[in-house]
Amino acid sequence: MKIIVPMAGRGSRLRPHTLTTPKPLIPIVGKAIVQRLVEDIVRICGEKSVEEIAFVIGDFGTEVEEQLKAVAAKLGAKGSIYYQDKPLGTAHAILCAAPSMDGELVVAFADTLFRADFKLNHDADGVIWVKQVEDPTAFGVVQVDADGSISNFVEKPKEFVSDLAIIGIYHFKDGANLRNELQYLIDNNITEKGEYQLTNALDNMKNKGLKFKPGTVDAWMDCGNKDATIDTNNRMLGFLEGSRELKGKNISLEHSEIIEPCFIGDNVMLRNATVGPNVSLGSGTIVEDATLENCLVQEKTMIRNIKLKNSMLGSNAYIDGNFTTLSLGDYCRME
């Protein structure tokens, strides 16, 4: 089994945080989005051994590449790095990892998280995971026939055809079939709105007789912008409440209160502070004479004299003053 993770997007809706950190490496409850994603996929693979995790990235630098290889190594897999130089669509992004597209394959786009209790369906040629949504016009959707197989793929329908949105996780019995169909799109310049779309390749595979089944998830969490990322952090805290991974080492509390659920990283110091509910504090952060609620804070940030809600703060930042809601990047200072 192999996993391909396309993650070359700029994450422009999550700026300023993605100016210094690629979006898939933004921490959710103390762990990078992409790490949480691949850990969950390895779990649903069950007894199937994951031998390789291929990351398709932009120009993120060697430090990020080593981080990603380490994520794969922790899961007992080889980490491979591929590059997408231009944003030419989902099909193009996956095909950038063509040398790794042999055998059984899971493709997972690294801008979303999910919670589900299921195993891979090996009876079909592929599984496309979906979630029922209120407004399907912003998503690719599937239609399902009477026997439960996917009968049609529609990219961002203007009129209602289905409310089963594709969440960006796919299982293929034979990765070579997918690779050939993606290459066909590129070779014949088959695009929609100037981009090569995975749904077109899936439709071609279905028309050749391959059977795809929908898989469903209990929760689908977006990390597209600041508010969505904070909400995802809050929901993940709820899922993990009571887990040992929520509390780090050497936490210092001086006249302070933690209202669960919260994630508190290593070497965090709280003085005259109330933190929570739904707060994540990265390692080395100091909170002094402050109240935080529904906040996501990265590492080594100083927060003083403030009552802060619904905020996202980067690493090595300094905040002191009369603010209520912030979206502040790394190394920024507000006082």
C-alpha atoms as a PDB file:
ATOM      1  CA  MET A   1       0.000   0.000   0.000  1.00  0.00           C
ATOM      2  CA  LYS A   2       1.167   3.499  -0.868  1.00  0.00           C
ATOM      3  CA  ILE A   3      -0.204   6.916   0.070  1.00  0.00           C
ATOM      4  CA  ILE A   4       0.071  10.017  -2.110  1.00  0.00           C
ATOM      5  CA  VAL A   5      -0.463  13.381  -0.428  1.00  0.00           C
ATOM      6  CA  PRO A   6      -0.754  16.378  -2.803  1.00  0.00           C
ATOM      7  CA  MET A   7       0.024  19.502  -0.762  1.00  0.00           C
ATOM      8  CA  ALA A   8       1.633  22.058  -3.072  1.00  0.00           C
ATOM      9  CA  GLY A   9      -1.056  24.739  -2.700  1.00  0.00           C
ATOM     10  CA  ARG A  10      -0.116  28.172  -1.357  1.00  0.00           C
ATOM     11  CA  GLY A  11      -2.792  28.260   1.332  1.00  0.00           C
ATOM     12  CA  SER A  12      -3.522  31.902   0.520  1.00  0.00           C
ATOM     13  CA  ARG A  13      -6.797  31.956   2.494  1.00  0.00           C
ATOM     14  CA  LEU A  14      -4.864  31.106   5.671  1.00  0.00           C
ATOM     15  CA  ARG A  15      -2.391  33.980   5.421  1.00  0.00           C
ATOM     16  CA  PRO A  16      -0.459  35.344   7.274  1.00  0.00           C
ATOM     17  CA  HIS A  17       0.212  31.923   8.832  1.00  0.00           C
ATOM     18  CA  THR A  18       1.085  30.252   5.536  1.00  0.00           C
ATOM     19  CA  LEU A  19       3.601  32.950   4.604  1.00  0.00           C
ATOM     20  CA  THR A  20       6.143  31.173   6.800  1.00  0.00           C
ATOM     21  CA  THR A  21       4.668  27.669   7.228  1.00  0.00           C
ATOM     22  CA  PRO A  22       3.061  25.541   4.490  1.00  0.00           C
ATOM     23  CA  LYS A  23      -0.595  25.001   5.380  1.00  0.00           C
ATOM     24  CA  PRO A  24      -0.305  21.204   5.836  1.00  0.00           C
ATOM     25  CA  LEU A  25       2.341  21.804   8.515  1.00  0.00           C
ATOM     26  CA  ILE A  26       0.147  24.162  10.569  1.00  0.00           C
ATOM     27  CA  PRO A  27      -0.406  22.385  13.904  1.00  0.00           C
ATOM     28  CA  ILE A  28      -3.853  21.231  14.989  1.00  0.00           C
ATOM     29  CA  VAL A  29      -3.846  20.263  18.682  1.00  0.00           C
ATOM     30  CA  GLY A  30      -0.057  20.258  18.620  1.00  0.00           C
ATOM     31  CA  LYS A  31       0.419  18.095  15.550  1.00  0.00           C
ATOM     32  CA  ALA A  32       0.780  19.098  11.876  1.00  0.00           C
ATOM     33  CA  ILE A  33      -2.346  18.736   9.729  1.00  0.00           C
ATOM     34  CA  VAL A  34      -0.561  16.404   7.303  1.00  0.00           C
ATOM     35  CA  GLN A  35       0.732  14.219  10.130  1.00  0.00           C
ATOM     36  CA  ARG A  36      -2.758  13.784  11.580  1.00  0.00           C
ATOM     37  CA  LEU A  37      -4.067  12.998   8.096  1.00  0.00           C
ATOM     38  CA  VAL A  38      -1.577  10.249   7.257  1.00  0.00           C
ATOM     39  CA  GLU A  39      -1.811   8.734  10.749  1.00  0.00           C
ATOM     40  CA  ASP A  40      -5.571   8.341  10.284  1.00  0.00           C
ATOM     41  CA  ILE A  41      -5.117   6.843   6.824  1.00  0.00           C
ATOM     42  CA  VAL A  42      -2.579   4.323   8.101  1.00  0.00           C
ATOM     43  CA  ARG A  43      -5.091   3.400  10.799  1.00  0.00           C
ATOM     44  CA  ILE A  44      -7.904   2.755   8.299  1.00  0.00           C
ATOM     45  CA  CYS A  45      -5.558   0.671   6.162  1.00  0.00           C
ATOM     46  CA  GLY A  46      -5.711  -1.861   8.995  1.00  0.00           C
ATOM     47  CA  GLU A  47      -3.536  -4.896   8.341  1.00  0.00           C
ATOM     48  CA  LYS A  48      -2.302  -3.484   5.035  1.00  0.00           C
ATOM     49  CA  SER A  49       1.280  -2.324   5.472  1.00  0.00           C
ATOM     50  CA  VAL A  50       1.982   1.187   4.159  1.00  0.00           C
ATOM     51  CA  GLU A  51       5.372   0.999   2.464  1.00  0.00           C
ATOM     52  CA  GLU A  52       5.618   4.523   1.045  1.00  0.00           C
ATOM     53  CA  ILE A  53       4.128   7.968   1.612  1.00  0.00           C
ATOM     54  CA  ALA A  54       4.716  10.329  -1.314  1.00  0.00           C
ATOM     55  CA  PHE A  55       4.319  14.059  -0.688  1.00  0.00           C
ATOM     56  CA  VAL A  56       3.722  16.386  -3.650  1.00  0.00           C
ATOM     57  CA  ILE A  57       4.928  19.830  -2.602  1.00  0.00           C
ATOM     58  CA  GLY A  58       5.936  23.231  -3.902  1.00  0.00           C
ATOM     59  CA  ASP A  59       9.223  24.955  -3.153  1.00  0.00           C
ATOM     60  CA  PHE A  60       8.993  24.456   0.612  1.00  0.00           C
ATOM     61  CA  GLY A  61      12.722  24.044   1.313  1.00  0.00           C
ATOM     62  CA  THR A  62      14.849  21.174   2.560  1.00  0.00           C
ATOM     63  CA  GLU A  63      13.818  21.600   6.205  1.00  0.00           C
ATOM     64  CA  VAL A  64      10.170  20.947   5.362  1.00  0.00           C
ATOM     65  CA  GLU A  65      11.139  18.010   3.159  1.00  0.00           C
ATOM     66  CA  GLU A  66      13.018  16.423   6.051  1.00  0.00           C
ATOM     67  CA  GLN A  67      10.025  16.992   8.337  1.00  0.00           C
ATOM     68  CA  LEU A  68       7.780  15.172   5.905  1.00  0.00           C
ATOM     69  CA  LYS A  69      10.184  12.267   5.528  1.00  0.00           C
ATOM     70  CA  ALA A  70      10.275  12.026   9.330  1.00  0.00           C
ATOM     71  CA  VAL A  71       6.457  11.862   9.437  1.00  0.00           C
ATOM     72  CA  ALA A  72       6.574   8.876   7.072  1.00  0.00           C
ATOM     73  CA  ALA A  73       9.413   7.218   8.978  1.00  0.00           C
ATOM     74  CA  LYS A  74       7.460   7.368  12.257  1.00  0.00           C
ATOM     75  CA  LEU A  75       4.776   5.317  10.543  1.00  0.00           C
ATOM     76  CA  GLY A  76       7.271   2.755   9.248  1.00  0.00           C
ATOM     77  CA  ALA A  77       7.104   3.991   5.649  1.00  0.00           C
ATOM     78  CA  LYS A  78       9.517   5.465   3.130  1.00  0.00           C
ATOM     79  CA  GLY A  79       8.976   9.187   2.578  1.00  0.00           C
ATOM     80  CA  SER A  80       9.233  10.375  -1.023  1.00  0.00           C
ATOM     81  CA  ILE A  81       9.180  13.980  -2.224  1.00  0.00           C
ATOM     82  CA  TYR A  82       7.782  15.160  -5.565  1.00  0.00           C
ATOM     83  CA  TYR A  83       7.251  18.694  -6.846  1.00  0.00           C
ATOM     84  CA  GLN A  84       4.356  20.509  -8.504  1.00  0.00           C
ATOM     85  CA  ASP A  85       5.749  23.728  -9.957  1.00  0.00           C
ATOM     86  CA  LYS A  86       2.455  25.140 -11.258  1.00  0.00           C
ATOM     87  CA  PRO A  87      -1.122  24.881  -9.889  1.00  0.00           C
ATOM     88  CA  LEU A  88      -2.597  22.933 -12.800  1.00  0.00           C
ATOM     89  CA  GLY A  89      -5.310  21.040 -10.948  1.00  0.00           C
ATOM     90  CA  THR A  90      -5.883  17.946  -8.864  1.00  0.00           C
ATOM     91  CA  ALA A  91      -5.125  15.451 -11.634  1.00  0.00           C
ATOM     92  CA  HIS A  92      -1.822  17.134 -12.428  1.00  0.00           C
ATOM     93  CA  ALA A  93      -0.856  17.252  -8.746  1.00  0.00           C
ATOM     94  CA  ILE A  94      -1.341  13.514  -8.278  1.00  0.00           C
ATOM     95  CA  LEU A  95       0.468  12.653 -11.510  1.00  0.00           C
ATOM     96  CA  CYS A  96       3.555  14.479 -10.242  1.00  0.00           C
ATOM     97  CA  ALA A  97       4.044  11.363  -8.083  1.00  0.00           C
ATOM     98  CA  ALA A  98       3.760   9.009 -11.080  1.00  0.00           C
ATOM     99  CA  PRO A  99       6.797   6.851 -10.136  1.00  0.00           C
ATOM    100  CA  SER A 100       5.008   5.902  -6.897  1.00  0.00           C
ATOM    101  CA  MET A 101       1.683   4.990  -8.515  1.00  0.00           C
ATOM    102  CA  ASP A 102       2.011   1.208  -8.679  1.00  0.00           C
ATOM    103  CA  GLY A 103      -0.137  -1.267  -6.775  1.00  0.00           C
ATOM    104  CA  GLU A 104      -2.741  -0.402  -4.160  1.00  0.00           C
ATOM    105  CA  LEU A 105      -2.975   3.295  -3.486  1.00  0.00           C
ATOM    106  CA  VAL A 106      -4.637   5.907  -1.269  1.00  0.00           C
ATOM    107  CA  VAL A 107      -4.685   9.545  -2.435  1.00  0.00           C
ATOM    108  CA  ALA A 108      -5.398  12.145   0.254  1.00  0.00           C
ATOM    109  CA  PHE A 109      -5.303  15.909  -0.212  1.00  0.00           C
ATOM    110  CA  ALA A 110      -3.685  17.607   2.771  1.00  0.00           C
ATOM    111  CA  ASP A 111      -6.119  20.446   3.396  1.00  0.00           C
ATOM    112  CA  THR A 112      -8.689  18.517   5.381  1.00  0.00           C
ATOM    113  CA  LEU A 113      -9.033  16.209   8.366  1.00  0.00           C
ATOM    114  CA  PHE A 114     -11.617  13.549   9.066  1.00  0.00           C
ATOM    115  CA  ARG A 115     -12.905  11.268  11.791  1.00  0.00           C
ATOM    116  CA  ALA A 116     -14.283   7.889  10.838  1.00  0.00           C
ATOM    117  CA  ASP A 117     -14.473   4.300  12.001  1.00  0.00           C
ATOM    118  CA  PHE A 118     -14.138   2.141   8.883  1.00  0.00           C
ATOM    119  CA  LYS A 119     -11.800  -0.124   6.977  1.00  0.00           C
ATOM    120  CA  LEU A 120     -10.942  -0.095   3.284  1.00  0.00           C
ATOM    121  CA  ASN A 121     -13.450  -1.801   0.974  1.00  0.00           C
ATOM    122  CA  HIS A 122     -11.431  -4.238  -1.128  1.00  0.00           C
ATOM    123  CA  ASP A 123     -14.453  -5.525  -3.083  1.00  0.00           C
ATOM    124  CA  ALA A 124     -14.583  -2.472  -5.353  1.00  0.00           C
ATOM    125  CA  ASP A 125     -11.978  -1.081  -7.763  1.00  0.00           C
ATOM    126  CA  GLY A 126     -11.930   2.069  -5.676  1.00  0.00           C
ATOM    127  CA  VAL A 127     -13.549   3.972  -2.839  1.00  0.00           C
ATOM    128  CA  ILE A 128     -14.309   7.709  -2.904  1.00  0.00           C
ATOM    129  CA  TRP A 129     -15.016   9.165   0.524  1.00  0.00           C
ATOM    130  CA  VAL A 130     -17.881  11.620   0.713  1.00  0.00           C
ATOM    131  CA  LYS A 131     -19.818  13.707   3.224  1.00  0.00           C
ATOM    132  CA  GLN A 132     -23.341  15.051   2.908  1.00  0.00           C
ATOM    133  CA  VAL A 133     -23.264  18.862   2.713  1.00  0.00           C
ATOM    134  CA  GLU A 134     -25.871  21.614   2.656  1.00  0.00           C
ATOM    135  CA  ASP A 135     -24.394  23.502  -0.308  1.00  0.00           C
ATOM    136  CA  PRO A 136     -22.726  21.169  -2.836  1.00  0.00           C
ATOM    137  CA  THR A 137     -21.983  23.884  -5.432  1.00  0.00           C
ATOM    138  CA  ALA A 138     -18.458  24.425  -4.083  1.00  0.00           C
ATOM    139  CA  PHE A 139     -17.461  20.743  -4.257  1.00  0.00           C
ATOM    140  CA  GLY A 140     -17.066  17.809  -6.556  1.00  0.00           C
ATOM    141  CA  VAL A 141     -19.983  15.457  -5.857  1.00  0.00           C
ATOM    142  CA  VAL A 142     -20.979  11.888  -6.667  1.00  0.00           C
ATOM    143  CA  GLN A 143     -24.261  10.321  -7.705  1.00  0.00           C
ATOM    144  CA  VAL A 144     -24.999   6.782  -6.524  1.00  0.00           C
ATOM    145  CA  ASP A 145     -27.070   4.111  -8.305  1.00  0.00           C
ATOM    146  CA  ALA A 146     -29.423   1.505  -6.869  1.00  0.00           C
ATOM    147  CA  ASP A 147     -26.697  -1.039  -6.045  1.00  0.00           C
ATOM    148  CA  GLY A 148     -24.652   1.537  -4.121  1.00  0.00           C
ATOM    149  CA  SER A 149     -22.029   2.140  -6.792  1.00  0.00           C
ATOM    150  CA  ILE A 150     -21.007   5.602  -7.963  1.00  0.00           C
ATOM    151  CA  SER A 151     -22.772   6.372 -11.238  1.00  0.00           C
ATOM    152  CA  ASN A 152     -21.511   9.886 -11.924  1.00  0.00           C
ATOM    153  CA  PHE A 153     -18.939  12.480 -10.883  1.00  0.00           C
ATOM    154  CA  VAL A 154     -19.857  16.159 -11.171  1.00  0.00           C
ATOM    155  CA  GLU A 155     -17.389  18.984 -10.490  1.00  0.00           C
ATOM    156  CA  LYS A 156     -18.985  21.947  -8.629  1.00  0.00           C
ATOM    157  CA  PRO A 157     -22.536  21.543  -9.967  1.00  0.00           C
ATOM    158  CA  LYS A 158     -24.430  24.778 -10.594  1.00  0.00           C
ATOM    159  CA  GLU A 159     -27.740  22.923 -10.284  1.00  0.00           C
ATOM    160  CA  PHE A 160     -28.505  20.253  -7.722  1.00  0.00           C
ATOM    161  CA  VAL A 161     -27.501  16.716  -8.722  1.00  0.00           C
ATOM    162  CA  SER A 162     -26.266  15.363  -5.384  1.00  0.00           C
ATOM    163  CA  ASP A 163     -25.286  16.545  -1.899  1.00  0.00           C
ATOM    164  CA  LEU A 164     -22.562  13.910  -1.427  1.00  0.00           C
ATOM    165  CA  ALA A 165     -19.375  15.985  -1.559  1.00  0.00           C
ATOM    166  CA  ILE A 166     -16.021  14.378  -2.288  1.00  0.00           C
ATOM    167  CA  ILE A 167     -13.794  15.099   0.709  1.00  0.00           C
ATOM    168  CA  GLY A 168     -10.458  14.465  -1.010  1.00  0.00           C
ATOM    169  CA  ILE A 169      -9.597  10.897   0.058  1.00  0.00           C
ATOM    170  CA  TYR A 170      -9.564   8.068  -2.498  1.00  0.00           C
ATOM    171  CA  HIS A 171      -8.620   4.383  -2.537  1.00  0.00           C
ATOM    172  CA  PHE A 172      -7.563   2.597  -5.738  1.00  0.00           C
ATOM    173  CA  LYS A 173      -6.911  -1.131  -6.098  1.00  0.00           C
ATOM    174  CA  ASP A 174      -4.541  -0.479  -8.993  1.00  0.00           C
ATOM    175  CA  GLY A 175      -2.631   2.791  -9.017  1.00  0.00           C
ATOM    176  CA  ALA A 176      -1.395   2.148 -12.551  1.00  0.00           C
ATOM    177  CA  ASN A 177      -4.964   2.485 -13.883  1.00  0.00           C
ATOM    178  CA  LEU A 178      -5.233   5.883 -12.267  1.00  0.00           C
ATOM    179  CA  ARG A 179      -1.831   6.962 -13.554  1.00  0.00           C
ATOM    180  CA  ASN A 180      -2.770   6.035 -17.129  1.00  0.00           C
ATOM    181  CA  GLU A 181      -6.028   7.989 -16.973  1.00  0.00           C
ATOM    182  CA  LEU A 182      -4.320  11.054 -15.503  1.00  0.00           C
ATOM    183  CA  GLN A 183      -1.679  10.921 -18.214  1.00  0.00           C
ATOM    184  CA  TYR A 184      -4.458  10.699 -20.827  1.00  0.00           C
ATOM    185  CA  LEU A 185      -5.910  13.991 -19.556  1.00  0.00           C
ATOM    186  CA  ILE A 186      -2.530  15.694 -19.786  1.00  0.00           C
ATOM    187  CA  ASP A 187      -1.671  14.275 -23.211  1.00  0.00           C
ATOM    188  CA  ASN A 188      -5.015  15.338 -24.658  1.00  0.00           C
ATOM    189  CA  ASN A 189      -5.213  18.655 -22.794  1.00  0.00           C
ATOM    190  CA  ILE A 190      -8.572  17.813 -21.225  1.00  0.00           C
ATOM    191  CA  THR A 191      -9.229  20.579 -18.708  1.00  0.00           C
ATOM    192  CA  GLU A 192     -12.010  22.368 -16.872  1.00  0.00           C
ATOM    193  CA  LYS A 193     -11.492  26.067 -16.214  1.00  0.00           C
ATOM    194  CA  GLY A 194      -7.856  25.672 -17.188  1.00  0.00           C
ATOM    195  CA  GLU A 195      -7.072  22.817 -14.775  1.00  0.00           C
ATOM    196  CA  TYR A 196      -6.768  19.047 -15.053  1.00  0.00           C
ATOM    197  CA  GLN A 197      -9.453  17.545 -12.805  1.00  0.00           C
ATOM    198  CA  LEU A 198      -9.282  14.197 -11.047  1.00  0.00           C
ATOM    199  CA  THR A 199     -13.040  13.753 -11.466  1.00  0.00           C
ATOM    200  CA  ASN A 200     -12.576  13.539 -15.257  1.00  0.00           C
ATOM    201  CA  ALA A 201     -10.117  10.663 -14.820  1.00  0.00           C
ATOM    202  CA  LEU A 202     -12.477   8.922 -12.404  1.00  0.00           C
ATOM    203  CA  ASP A 203     -15.317   9.274 -14.886  1.00  0.00           C
ATOM    204  CA  ASN A 204     -13.199   7.715 -17.640  1.00  0.00           C
ATOM    205  CA  MET A 205     -12.310   4.794 -15.364  1.00  0.00           C
ATOM    206  CA  LYS A 206     -15.981   4.264 -14.484  1.00  0.00           C
ATOM    207  CA  ASN A 207     -16.957   4.292 -18.152  1.00  0.00           C
ATOM    208  CA  LYS A 208     -14.430   1.511 -18.775  1.00  0.00           C
ATOM    209  CA  GLY A 209     -16.211  -0.685 -16.246  1.00  0.00           C
ATOM    210  CA  LEU A 210     -14.368  -0.004 -13.008  1.00  0.00           C
ATOM    211  CA  LYS A 211     -16.610   0.031  -9.934  1.00  0.00           C
ATOM    212  CA  PHE A 212     -16.292   2.786  -7.350  1.00  0.00           C
ATOM    213  CA  LYS A 213     -18.106   2.766  -4.019  1.00  0.00           C
ATOM    214  CA  PRO A 214     -18.742   5.757  -1.764  1.00  0.00           C
ATOM    215  CA  GLY A 215     -17.241   5.729   1.697  1.00  0.00           C
ATOM    216  CA  THR A 216     -18.626   7.950   4.418  1.00  0.00           C
ATOM    217  CA  VAL A 217     -16.982   9.740   7.337  1.00  0.00           C
ATOM    218  CA  ASP A 218     -18.421  10.849  10.660  1.00  0.00           C
ATOM    219  CA  ALA A 219     -16.731  14.253  10.575  1.00  0.00           C
ATOM    220  CA  TRP A 220     -15.036  16.271   7.854  1.00  0.00           C
ATOM    221  CA  MET A 221     -12.995  19.226   9.053  1.00  0.00           C
ATOM    222  CA  ASP A 222     -11.687  22.024   6.872  1.00  0.00           C
ATOM    223  CA  CYS A 223      -8.521  24.056   7.418  1.00  0.00           C
ATOM    224  CA  GLY A 224      -9.084  26.535   4.610  1.00  0.00           C
ATOM    225  CA  ASN A 225      -9.078  29.815   6.554  1.00  0.00           C
ATOM    226  CA  LYS A 226      -8.529  31.127  10.076  1.00  0.00           C
ATOM    227  CA  ASP A 227     -12.045  30.581  11.386  1.00  0.00           C
ATOM    228  CA  ALA A 228     -12.333  27.108   9.843  1.00  0.00           C
ATOM    229  CA  THR A 229      -8.950  26.111  11.270  1.00  0.00           C
ATOM    230  CA  ILE A 230      -9.902  27.278  14.766  1.00  0.00           C
ATOM    231  CA  ASP A 231     -13.152  25.332  14.480  1.00  0.00           C
ATOM    232  CA  THR A 232     -11.236  22.238  13.378  1.00  0.00           C
ATOM    233  CA  ASN A 233      -8.854  22.652  16.320  1.00  0.00           C
ATOM    234  CA  ASN A 234     -11.855  22.899  18.673  1.00  0.00           C
ATOM    235  CA  ARG A 235     -13.501  19.790  17.238  1.00  0.00           C
ATOM    236  CA  MET A 236     -10.268  17.810  17.389  1.00  0.00           C
ATOM    237  CA  LEU A 237      -9.842  18.811  21.043  1.00  0.00           C
ATOM    238  CA  GLY A 238     -13.304  17.388  21.673  1.00  0.00           C
ATOM    239  CA  PHE A 239     -12.432  14.113  19.947  1.00  0.00           C
ATOM    240  CA  LEU A 240      -9.192  13.798  21.933  1.00  0.00           C
ATOM    241  CA  GLU A 241     -10.480  14.998  25.321  1.00  0.00           C
ATOM    242  CA  GLY A 242      -8.918  12.896  28.057  1.00  0.00           C
ATOM    243  CA  SER A 243      -6.060  11.710  25.836  1.00  0.00           C
ATOM    244  CA  ARG A 244      -2.499  11.830  27.152  1.00  0.00           C
ATOM    245  CA  GLU A 245      -1.339  13.639  24.029  1.00  0.00           C
ATOM    246  CA  LEU A 246      -3.129  16.795  25.187  1.00  0.00           C
ATOM    247  CA  LYS A 247      -0.656  17.543  27.980  1.00  0.00           C
ATOM    248  CA  GLY A 248       3.069  18.068  27.515  1.00  0.00           C
ATOM    249  CA  LYS A 249       5.959  18.046  29.961  1.00  0.00           C
ATOM    250  CA  ASN A 250       7.125  20.727  32.394  1.00  0.00           C
ATOM    251  CA  ILE A 251       3.911  22.765  32.398  1.00  0.00           C
ATOM    252  CA  SER A 252       4.081  25.600  34.945  1.00  0.00           C
ATOM    253  CA  LEU A 253       0.842  26.898  36.536  1.00  0.00           C
ATOM    254  CA  GLU A 254       0.930  29.945  38.805  1.00  0.00           C
ATOM    255  CA  HIS A 255      -2.508  31.075  40.002  1.00  0.00           C
ATOM    256  CA  SER A 256      -3.948  29.823  36.737  1.00  0.00           C
ATOM    257  CA  GLU A 257      -6.820  27.662  35.517  1.00  0.00           C
ATOM    258  CA  ILE A 258      -7.158  25.354  32.526  1.00  0.00           C
ATOM    259  CA  ILE A 259     -10.744  24.782  31.372  1.00  0.00           C
ATOM    260  CA  GLU A 260     -10.846  21.587  29.325  1.00  0.00           C
ATOM    261  CA  PRO A 261     -10.587  20.590  26.591  1.00  0.00           C
ATOM    262  CA  CYS A 262      -7.178  22.132  25.922  1.00  0.00           C
ATOM    263  CA  PHE A 263      -3.840  21.140  24.455  1.00  0.00           C
ATOM    264  CA  ILE A 264      -0.853  22.383  26.461  1.00  0.00           C
ATOM    265  CA  GLY A 265       2.571  21.723  24.923  1.00  0.00           C
ATOM    266  CA  ASP A 266       5.938  21.192  26.590  1.00  0.00           C
ATOM    267  CA  ASN A 267       7.436  23.950  28.750  1.00  0.00           C
ATOM    268  CA  VAL A 268       4.334  26.144  28.674  1.00  0.00           C
ATOM    269  CA  MET A 269       4.041  28.693  31.474  1.00  0.00           C
ATOM    270  CA  LEU A 270       0.746  30.154  32.744  1.00  0.00           C
ATOM    271  CA  ARG A 271       0.748  33.021  35.257  1.00  0.00           C
ATOM    272  CA  ASN A 272      -2.519  34.551  36.492  1.00  0.00           C
ATOM    273  CA  ALA A 273      -4.175  33.100  33.414  1.00  0.00           C
ATOM    274  CA  THR A 274      -7.379  31.350  32.466  1.00  0.00           C
ATOM    275  CA  VAL A 275      -7.032  29.144  29.412  1.00  0.00           C
ATOM    276  CA  GLY A 276      -9.931  27.355  27.747  1.00  0.00           C
ATOM    277  CA  PRO A 277     -12.133  25.885  26.739  1.00  0.00           C
ATOM    278  CA  ASN A 278     -10.863  24.941  23.275  1.00  0.00           C
ATOM    279  CA  VAL A 279      -7.337  26.330  23.394  1.00  0.00           C
ATOM    280  CA  SER A 280      -4.124  24.854  21.974  1.00  0.00           C
ATOM    281  CA  LEU A 281      -0.815  26.267  23.214  1.00  0.00           C
ATOM    282  CA  GLY A 282       2.372  25.214  21.447  1.00  0.00           C
ATOM    283  CA  SER A 283       5.561  24.374  23.312  1.00  0.00           C
ATOM    284  CA  GLY A 284       7.396  27.210  25.033  1.00  0.00           C
ATOM    285  CA  THR A 285       4.426  29.581  25.036  1.00  0.00           C
ATOM    286  CA  ILE A 286       3.923  31.970  27.978  1.00  0.00           C
ATOM    287  CA  VAL A 287       0.491  33.321  28.950  1.00  0.00           C
ATOM    288  CA  GLU A 288       0.485  35.991  31.658  1.00  0.00           C
ATOM    289  CA  ASP A 289      -2.411  38.010  33.124  1.00  0.00           C
ATOM    290  CA  ALA A 290      -4.613  36.847  30.257  1.00  0.00           C
ATOM    291  CA  THR A 291      -7.737  34.911  29.363  1.00  0.00           C
ATOM    292  CA  LEU A 292      -7.886  32.772  26.234  1.00  0.00           C
ATOM    293  CA  GLU A 293     -10.858  30.947  24.721  1.00  0.00           C
ATOM    294  CA  ASN A 294     -11.203  29.208  21.341  1.00  0.00           C
ATOM    295  CA  CYS A 295      -7.613  29.994  20.381  1.00  0.00           C
ATOM    296  CA  LEU A 296      -4.892  28.209  18.430  1.00  0.00           C
ATOM    297  CA  VAL A 297      -1.375  29.309  19.375  1.00  0.00           C
ATOM    298  CA  GLN A 298       1.851  27.930  17.925  1.00  0.00           C
ATOM    299  CA  GLU A 299       5.229  27.737  19.669  1.00  0.00           C
ATOM    300  CA  LYS A 300       7.242  30.172  21.811  1.00  0.00           C
ATOM    301  CA  THR A 301       4.702  32.981  21.767  1.00  0.00           C
ATOM    302  CA  MET A 302       4.277  35.506  24.597  1.00  0.00           C
ATOM    303  CA  ILE A 303       0.711  36.591  25.456  1.00  0.00           C
ATOM    304  CA  ARG A 304       0.113  39.238  28.145  1.00  0.00           C
ATOM    305  CA  ASN A 305      -2.639  41.487  29.534  1.00  0.00           C
ATOM    306  CA  ILE A 306      -5.365  40.390  27.157  1.00  0.00           C
ATOM    307  CA  LYS A 307      -8.756  38.724  26.867  1.00  0.00           C
ATOM    308  CA  LEU A 308      -8.595  36.866  23.589  1.00  0.00           C
ATOM    309  CA  LYS A 309     -11.214  34.773  21.763  1.00  0.00           C
ATOM    310  CA  ASN A 310     -11.413  33.031  18.379  1.00  0.00           C
ATOM    311  CA  SER A 311      -7.804  33.823  17.536  1.00  0.00           C
ATOM    312  CA  MET A 312      -4.943  32.143  15.718  1.00  0.00           C
ATOM    313  CA  LEU A 313      -1.382  33.130  16.632  1.00  0.00           C
ATOM    314  CA  GLY A 314       1.876  32.027  15.039  1.00  0.00           C
ATOM    315  CA  SER A 315       5.210  31.103  16.602  1.00  0.00           C
ATOM    316  CA  ASN A 316       7.637  33.515  18.287  1.00  0.00           C
ATOM    317  CA  ALA A 317       5.008  36.276  18.416  1.00  0.00           C
ATOM    318  CA  TYR A 318       4.444  38.853  21.171  1.00  0.00           C
ATOM    319  CA  ILE A 319       0.987  40.184  22.118  1.00  0.00           C
ATOM    320  CA  ASP A 320       0.334  42.671  24.904  1.00  0.00           C
ATOM    321  CA  GLY A 321      -2.700  44.915  24.942  1.00  0.00           C
ATOM    322  CA  ASN A 322      -6.378  45.495  24.455  1.00  0.00           C
ATOM    323  CA  PHE A 323      -7.171  43.097  21.612  1.00  0.00           C
ATOM    324  CA  THR A 324     -10.119  40.705  21.391  1.00  0.00           C
ATOM    325  CA  THR A 325      -9.688  38.669  18.194  1.00  0.00           C
ATOM    326  CA  LEU A 326      -6.479  38.250  16.211  1.00  0.00           C
ATOM    327  CA  SER A 327      -4.944  36.407  13.295  1.00  0.00           C
ATOM    328  CA  LEU A 328      -1.233  36.995  13.783  1.00  0.00           C
ATOM    329  CA  GLY A 329       1.673  35.379  11.943  1.00  0.00           C
ATOM    330  CA  ASP A 330       5.100  34.221  13.093  1.00  0.00           C
ATOM    331  CA  TYR A 331       7.493  36.735  14.660  1.00  0.00           C
ATOM    332  CA  CYS A 332       4.857  39.489  14.754  1.00  0.00           C
ATOM    333  CA  ARG A 333       4.521  41.906  17.640  1.00  0.00           C
ATOM    334  CA  MET A 334       1.402  43.755  18.834  1.00  0.00           C
ATOM    335  CA  GLU A 335       1.302  45.929  21.962  1.00  0.00           C
END
